[in-house]
Protein backbone atom coordinates (compact mmCIF):
# COMPACT_ATOMS: atom_id res chain seq x y z
CA MET A 1 96.19 -27.59 91.37
CA MET A 2 93.61 -29.29 89.04
CA ARG A 3 90.50 -27.44 87.91
CA ILE A 4 87.59 -29.44 87.53
CA LEU A 5 84.71 -28.50 85.24
CA LYS A 6 81.38 -29.37 86.75
CA LEU A 7 79.17 -31.23 83.71
CA THR A 8 76.14 -31.49 86.03
CA LEU A 9 74.69 -30.97 89.23
CA LEU A 10 74.64 -34.77 90.20
CA THR A 11 76.93 -36.26 87.83
CA VAL A 12 78.70 -39.51 87.45
CA VAL A 13 81.69 -38.20 85.63
CA PHE A 14 83.76 -34.96 85.73
CA VAL A 15 85.73 -33.50 83.16
CA VAL A 16 89.20 -31.71 84.81
CA LEU A 17 91.48 -29.94 82.52
CA SER A 18 95.58 -29.36 83.49
CA GLY A 19 97.95 -27.20 82.89
CA CYS A 20 96.21 -26.29 79.28
CA ASN A 21 96.79 -22.99 77.16
CA GLU A 22 94.79 -23.55 73.67
CA LYS A 23 91.84 -22.46 73.20
CA LEU A 24 88.88 -24.57 74.05
CA THR A 25 85.28 -24.29 72.76
CA GLN A 26 82.09 -25.10 75.20
CA TYR A 27 78.80 -26.44 73.11
CA LYS A 28 76.13 -27.39 75.35
CA ILE A 29 72.69 -29.08 74.39
CA ASP A 30 70.24 -29.42 77.40
CA ASN A 31 67.19 -30.47 78.03
CA PHE A 32 68.12 -33.12 75.57
CA LYS A 33 65.76 -36.38 76.25
CA VAL A 34 67.59 -39.67 75.74
CA MET A 35 65.37 -42.56 75.40
CA GLY A 36 62.73 -39.97 77.39
CA THR A 37 65.16 -39.06 79.91
CA VAL A 38 65.87 -35.33 80.07
CA SER A 39 69.63 -35.13 80.27
CA HIS A 40 72.07 -32.34 78.62
CA ILE A 41 75.08 -32.98 76.11
CA THR A 42 78.18 -31.00 76.33
CA VAL A 43 80.81 -30.92 73.62
CA TYR A 44 84.61 -29.51 75.06
CA SER A 45 86.85 -28.83 71.86
CA TRP A 46 90.28 -27.41 70.70
CA ALA A 47 90.46 -24.33 68.82
CA ASP A 48 88.58 -23.50 65.71
CA GLN A 49 85.45 -25.31 65.92
CA LYS A 50 82.84 -23.97 63.92
CA GLU A 51 79.46 -22.97 65.56
CA ASP A 52 76.83 -24.52 62.74
CA VAL A 53 78.87 -27.97 63.18
CA PHE A 54 78.10 -27.91 67.42
CA GLN A 55 74.42 -26.89 66.05
CA SER A 56 74.17 -29.39 63.25
CA LEU A 57 75.15 -31.94 65.64
CA GLU A 58 72.06 -31.36 67.65
CA GLY A 59 69.64 -32.41 64.32
CA PHE A 60 71.68 -35.09 64.13
CA LEU A 61 71.00 -36.68 67.70
CA LYS A 62 68.22 -35.46 67.99
CA GLU A 63 66.73 -37.91 65.07
CA LYS A 64 68.74 -40.90 66.30
CA SER A 65 67.51 -40.75 69.95
CA ASP A 66 63.89 -39.93 68.54
CA ARG A 67 64.52 -43.42 66.51
CA LEU A 68 65.69 -45.60 69.61
CA ASN A 69 63.00 -44.00 72.12
CA ARG A 70 60.43 -46.74 73.33
CA TYR A 71 58.35 -43.51 74.92
CA ASN A 72 57.26 -42.68 71.33
CA PRO A 73 54.80 -44.80 70.49
CA LEU A 74 55.55 -44.29 66.95
CA SER A 75 59.63 -44.77 67.00
CA GLU A 76 61.30 -47.43 65.49
CA VAL A 77 62.03 -48.88 68.47
CA SER A 78 57.92 -49.22 69.47
CA LEU A 79 57.01 -50.02 66.27
CA PHE A 80 59.94 -53.20 66.35
CA ASN A 81 58.73 -54.03 69.80
CA GLN A 82 55.44 -54.83 68.07
CA ALA A 83 56.27 -57.10 65.30
CA LYS A 84 56.89 -60.51 64.93
CA GLY A 85 58.88 -62.67 63.09
CA GLU A 86 61.30 -61.35 60.93
CA VAL A 87 61.76 -57.15 60.77
CA LYS A 88 63.65 -54.51 58.33
CA VAL A 89 65.18 -52.25 60.37
CA SER A 90 67.59 -49.32 59.82
CA ASP A 91 70.99 -48.63 60.26
CA ASP A 92 71.24 -47.03 63.32
CA LEU A 93 69.15 -49.66 64.91
CA TYR A 94 70.37 -52.66 63.51
CA LYS A 95 74.25 -51.65 64.87
CA ILE A 96 72.94 -50.50 68.38
CA ILE A 97 70.96 -54.16 68.42
CA GLU A 98 74.70 -56.05 67.55
CA TYR A 99 76.26 -54.31 70.04
CA ALA A 100 73.85 -55.27 72.88
CA LEU A 101 73.76 -58.89 71.38
CA SER A 102 78.01 -59.08 71.46
CA VAL A 103 78.06 -57.53 75.33
CA TYR A 104 74.68 -60.46 75.94
CA ARG A 105 77.23 -63.00 75.20
CA GLU A 106 79.73 -62.35 77.10
CA THR A 107 77.72 -61.08 80.15
CA ARG A 108 75.12 -63.12 79.82
CA VAL A 109 73.17 -60.61 81.76
CA PHE A 110 73.08 -57.41 79.97
CA ASP A 111 69.70 -58.11 78.45
CA ILE A 112 68.04 -55.69 76.53
CA THR A 113 64.67 -57.53 75.95
CA ILE A 114 63.91 -56.85 79.80
CA LEU A 115 61.21 -54.43 78.75
CA PRO A 116 58.50 -56.81 80.41
CA ILE A 117 60.75 -56.77 83.53
CA ILE A 118 60.84 -52.93 83.52
CA GLU A 119 57.43 -52.11 83.43
CA ILE A 120 56.80 -53.82 86.06
CA TRP A 121 58.87 -52.22 88.65
CA ASP A 122 57.37 -48.57 89.28
CA TYR A 123 60.51 -47.01 91.04
CA LYS A 124 58.35 -42.83 91.24
CA LYS A 125 55.33 -45.36 93.31
CA GLY A 126 58.03 -47.80 95.04
CA ILE A 127 55.64 -50.86 94.19
CA VAL A 128 57.71 -53.88 94.31
CA PRO A 129 56.06 -57.14 92.03
CA SER A 130 54.88 -59.95 92.93
CA ASP A 131 56.76 -63.37 92.68
CA SER A 132 54.61 -64.64 89.98
CA LEU A 133 54.35 -62.00 88.06
CA ILE A 134 57.81 -61.36 87.82
CA GLN A 135 58.29 -65.16 86.92
CA GLN A 136 55.70 -64.30 84.25
CA LYS A 137 57.28 -61.48 82.86
CA LEU A 138 60.66 -63.34 82.32
CA SER A 139 59.26 -65.86 80.36
CA GLU A 140 58.78 -63.28 78.05
CA THR A 141 62.44 -61.64 77.62
CA GLY A 142 65.58 -63.63 75.89
CA ALA A 143 68.02 -62.03 73.95
CA GLN A 144 68.99 -65.05 72.31
CA ASN A 145 65.56 -64.49 71.16
CA LEU A 146 66.91 -61.99 68.28
CA ILE A 147 69.11 -63.43 65.74
CA LEU A 148 70.34 -60.75 63.09
CA LYS A 149 70.59 -61.59 59.60
CA PRO A 150 71.76 -59.66 56.43
CA ASP A 151 70.46 -56.44 54.45
CA LEU A 152 69.17 -54.95 58.13
CA THR A 153 66.96 -57.81 58.93
CA VAL A 154 66.30 -58.69 62.66
CA GLU A 155 64.42 -61.91 63.37
CA LYS A 156 62.60 -62.34 66.65
CA LEU A 157 62.13 -66.23 67.66
CA LYS A 158 59.57 -65.80 70.09
CA PRO A 159 58.10 -61.97 70.14
CA VAL A 160 60.51 -59.73 72.77
CA ARG A 161 60.22 -56.37 73.17
CA ILE A 162 63.62 -53.95 74.03
CA ASP A 163 64.55 -51.12 75.36
CA LEU A 164 67.70 -49.82 74.81
CA GLY A 165 68.01 -47.36 78.13
CA GLY A 166 71.63 -49.71 79.25
CA ILE A 167 73.24 -48.74 75.62
CA ALA A 168 71.81 -45.89 73.83
CA LYS A 169 73.89 -43.17 75.58
CA GLY A 170 77.34 -45.19 74.44
CA PHE A 171 75.65 -45.60 71.35
CA LEU A 172 74.59 -41.95 71.28
CA ILE A 173 78.22 -40.31 71.87
CA GLN A 174 80.03 -42.81 69.63
CA GLN A 175 77.99 -41.07 66.75
CA ALA A 176 78.49 -37.66 67.66
CA VAL A 177 82.14 -38.61 67.67
CA PHE A 178 81.74 -40.15 64.38
CA TYR A 179 80.02 -36.95 63.05
CA LEU A 180 82.10 -34.22 64.56
CA LYS A 181 85.51 -36.07 62.76
CA GLU A 182 83.46 -36.01 59.21
CA ASN A 183 82.69 -32.36 59.53
CA GLN A 184 85.67 -30.68 61.48
CA LYS A 185 89.18 -32.17 60.10
CA ASN A 186 91.94 -32.62 62.78
CA SER A 187 89.66 -31.76 65.67
CA SER A 188 90.18 -33.30 69.40
CA GLY A 189 87.68 -32.86 72.23
CA ILE A 190 84.57 -34.60 74.58
CA VAL A 191 81.20 -35.27 74.04
CA GLU A 192 79.74 -36.09 77.23
CA ILE A 193 75.55 -36.79 77.98
CA GLY A 194 74.67 -36.72 81.03
CA GLY A 195 78.04 -37.35 82.58
CA ASP A 196 79.35 -40.30 80.56
CA LEU A 197 81.64 -39.48 77.56
CA LEU A 198 83.97 -40.61 75.06
CA THR A 199 87.11 -38.37 74.01
CA PHE A 200 88.90 -37.79 70.94
CA GLY A 201 91.91 -36.63 68.80
CA ASP A 202 95.16 -36.05 69.34
CA LYS A 203 94.92 -34.13 73.13
CA GLU A 204 95.24 -36.19 76.08
CA TRP A 205 92.75 -35.64 79.01
CA THR A 206 92.22 -35.77 82.83
CA ILE A 207 88.92 -37.22 83.72
CA GLY A 208 87.79 -37.47 87.32
CA ILE A 209 85.21 -40.10 88.82
CA VAL A 210 83.09 -38.92 91.68
CA HIS A 211 82.87 -40.98 95.07
CA PRO A 212 79.30 -42.88 94.94
CA LYS A 213 78.25 -41.46 98.22
CA THR A 214 79.41 -38.27 98.30
CA LYS A 215 78.74 -37.21 94.39
CA LYS A 216 82.39 -35.39 95.05
CA PRO A 217 85.18 -35.92 92.89
CA CYS A 218 87.28 -38.82 94.25
CA ILE A 219 89.56 -40.09 91.26
CA ALA A 220 91.42 -38.78 88.91
CA LEU A 221 93.18 -40.71 86.04
CA ASN A 222 94.58 -39.40 81.57
CA VAL A 223 93.32 -40.87 79.08
CA LYS A 224 93.18 -39.97 75.29
CA ASN A 225 90.59 -41.71 72.20
CA LYS A 226 88.69 -43.39 75.26
CA ALA A 227 84.89 -44.13 76.34
CA VAL A 228 84.55 -43.83 80.42
CA PHE A 229 81.40 -44.92 81.37
CA THR A 230 80.19 -45.28 85.00
CA SER A 231 77.43 -46.93 86.30
CA GLY A 232 76.23 -46.99 90.46
CA ASP A 233 73.07 -47.27 92.82
CA TYR A 234 73.27 -44.23 94.05
CA GLU A 235 71.62 -42.30 91.61
CA ARG A 236 68.29 -44.15 91.28
CA PHE A 237 66.55 -46.10 93.66
CA PHE A 238 63.87 -46.40 96.24
CA GLU A 239 63.79 -47.99 99.89
CA LYS A 240 60.39 -50.16 101.03
CA ASN A 241 60.44 -51.97 104.15
CA GLY A 242 64.05 -51.05 105.04
CA LYS A 243 65.50 -52.20 101.92
CA ILE A 244 67.09 -50.31 98.88
CA TYR A 245 66.00 -51.61 95.36
CA SER A 246 68.61 -50.32 92.92
CA HIS A 247 67.55 -49.17 89.38
CA ILE A 248 69.45 -51.70 87.65
CA LEU A 249 67.82 -54.71 87.01
CA ASN A 250 69.11 -58.35 86.77
CA PRO A 251 67.44 -60.10 83.83
CA LEU A 252 68.68 -63.54 85.33
CA THR A 253 66.15 -62.60 88.06
CA GLY A 254 63.94 -59.53 87.57
CA ARG A 255 65.26 -57.88 90.50
CA PRO A 256 67.26 -55.12 91.17
CA ALA A 257 70.63 -56.15 91.10
CA GLU A 258 72.41 -56.58 94.32
CA VAL A 259 75.13 -54.84 95.17
CA LYS A 260 77.85 -55.83 95.18
CA ALA A 261 79.98 -52.64 94.85
CA HIS A 262 78.26 -48.94 94.67
CA SER A 263 79.71 -47.85 91.36
CA VAL A 264 81.51 -49.28 88.44
CA THR A 265 83.89 -47.46 85.52
CA VAL A 266 84.88 -49.21 82.21
CA ILE A 267 87.43 -47.36 80.33
CA GLY A 268 87.80 -48.76 76.45
CA GLU A 269 87.65 -48.13 72.15
CA ASP A 270 84.27 -47.88 72.14
CA ALA A 271 81.31 -46.35 74.05
CA SER A 272 78.17 -48.44 72.91
CA ILE A 273 80.28 -51.21 74.42
CA SER A 274 81.45 -49.29 77.46
CA ASP A 275 77.90 -48.40 78.55
CA GLY A 276 76.88 -52.33 78.23
CA LEU A 277 79.94 -53.26 80.05
CA ALA A 278 79.33 -51.11 82.55
CA THR A 279 75.66 -51.90 83.07
CA ALA A 280 76.70 -55.64 82.86
CA PHE A 281 79.52 -55.68 85.97
CA PHE A 282 77.63 -53.88 88.14
CA ILE A 283 75.07 -56.31 88.09
CA LEU A 284 78.00 -59.13 88.12
CA GLY A 285 80.34 -57.16 90.57
CA PRO A 286 84.37 -57.73 90.54
CA GLU A 287 85.20 -61.03 90.58
CA LYS A 288 83.27 -61.49 87.53
CA SER A 289 83.97 -58.63 85.39
CA PHE A 290 87.79 -59.38 86.16
CA GLU A 291 87.16 -63.08 84.22
CA ILE A 292 85.24 -60.73 81.58
CA ILE A 293 87.27 -57.74 80.81
CA LYS A 294 90.06 -60.44 80.22
CA HIS A 295 88.14 -61.36 76.59
CA TYR A 296 88.51 -57.32 75.82
CA SER A 297 91.29 -56.00 74.84
CA ASP A 298 91.26 -52.22 75.26
CA TYR A 299 89.11 -52.22 77.07
CA SER A 300 89.76 -51.86 81.89
CA VAL A 301 87.33 -51.47 84.78
CA PHE A 302 88.01 -50.39 88.18
CA PHE A 303 85.39 -50.62 91.10
CA ILE A 304 84.36 -48.59 94.45
CA ASP A 305 83.06 -51.38 96.98
CA GLU A 306 81.17 -50.34 100.01
CA LYS A 307 84.32 -50.00 102.02
CA GLY A 308 85.26 -46.90 99.03
CA GLU A 309 88.10 -49.11 98.52
CA VAL A 310 88.93 -49.12 94.42
CA LEU A 311 89.02 -53.14 92.67
CA LYS A 312 91.25 -52.94 89.80
CA ASP A 313 91.37 -55.48 86.99
CA GLU A 314 95.00 -57.15 87.12
CA ASN A 315 95.86 -55.15 84.32
CA PHE A 316 94.63 -52.35 84.40
CA PRO A 317 97.39 -49.64 82.56
CA TYR A 318 95.97 -46.18 84.18
CA GLU A 319 97.21 -44.24 86.94
CA LEU A 320 94.37 -43.31 89.09
CA ILE A 321 95.05 -40.02 91.40
CA PHE A 322 92.79 -39.61 94.51
CA ILE A 323 91.87 -35.93 94.54
CA ASN A 324 90.78 -34.06 97.75
CA GLU A 325 87.89 -31.92 97.90
CA GLU A 326 89.82 -28.78 97.20
CA ASP A 327 91.82 -29.44 94.47
């Protein structure tokens, strides 16, 4: 029987451990803000991990998260959004923009310049903006207006403003793993933020995915040195006049993505890319996503559709284990 370690109340991903007798250390950072959203960080690692490494990890991630937080008017992202023309940026911001633009070029729907659209959709008050306002704000977006130049310089062809909410979690997870590998040699484990995660080291882990409706574990798969990221429409949304509005916005229309499947899970080498692809694939749906994933070696994707059926890309290499609630 599998043992399921629940990471958060309504998490997207669960960590499942089976047949493990070695010492496992768990370290948690609670009430951690990622892009203005309260989340948490959990690190699972094998044996002889030092407490001071975990404690220094918290400061390391906080510094990076603060830099990328557009809710802070003095953050690097906020200052970048106010700037025009060529902007000198930090290595962190340059890298995350580079990751984001690479996913944009492949999908055309992962656009970090969507901030003007995000600002007019109020999910707390359930406000639906007018068609004319959406069109106006769409004219202020376009990732093609960001040009990466040498020496950590980003040129804006027009004064677009960015939001990194669709990729920042992956970037922070990836950076955390880099930090742990550098400061704790020969370590193995998982870094998880808000249900998305990256495994590292020589251990294989069994990861569980929750059902988008019941929010209980329904699928498990074994991974090693892989990121696992899930996007869905069941955590943040509002309903108005009988219509459900997902929090994932389509940058081509300026409106919430039309739901083609309730959740999508991307498994891949890099957490930043996996994060961005999960968002893009939710917008695109299975058919288009399965074509795009062919361009990504070492990445795979599966969907849970409205009927609860699982749809996988044609080269999906993992065995999906369907689990019962009592397991």
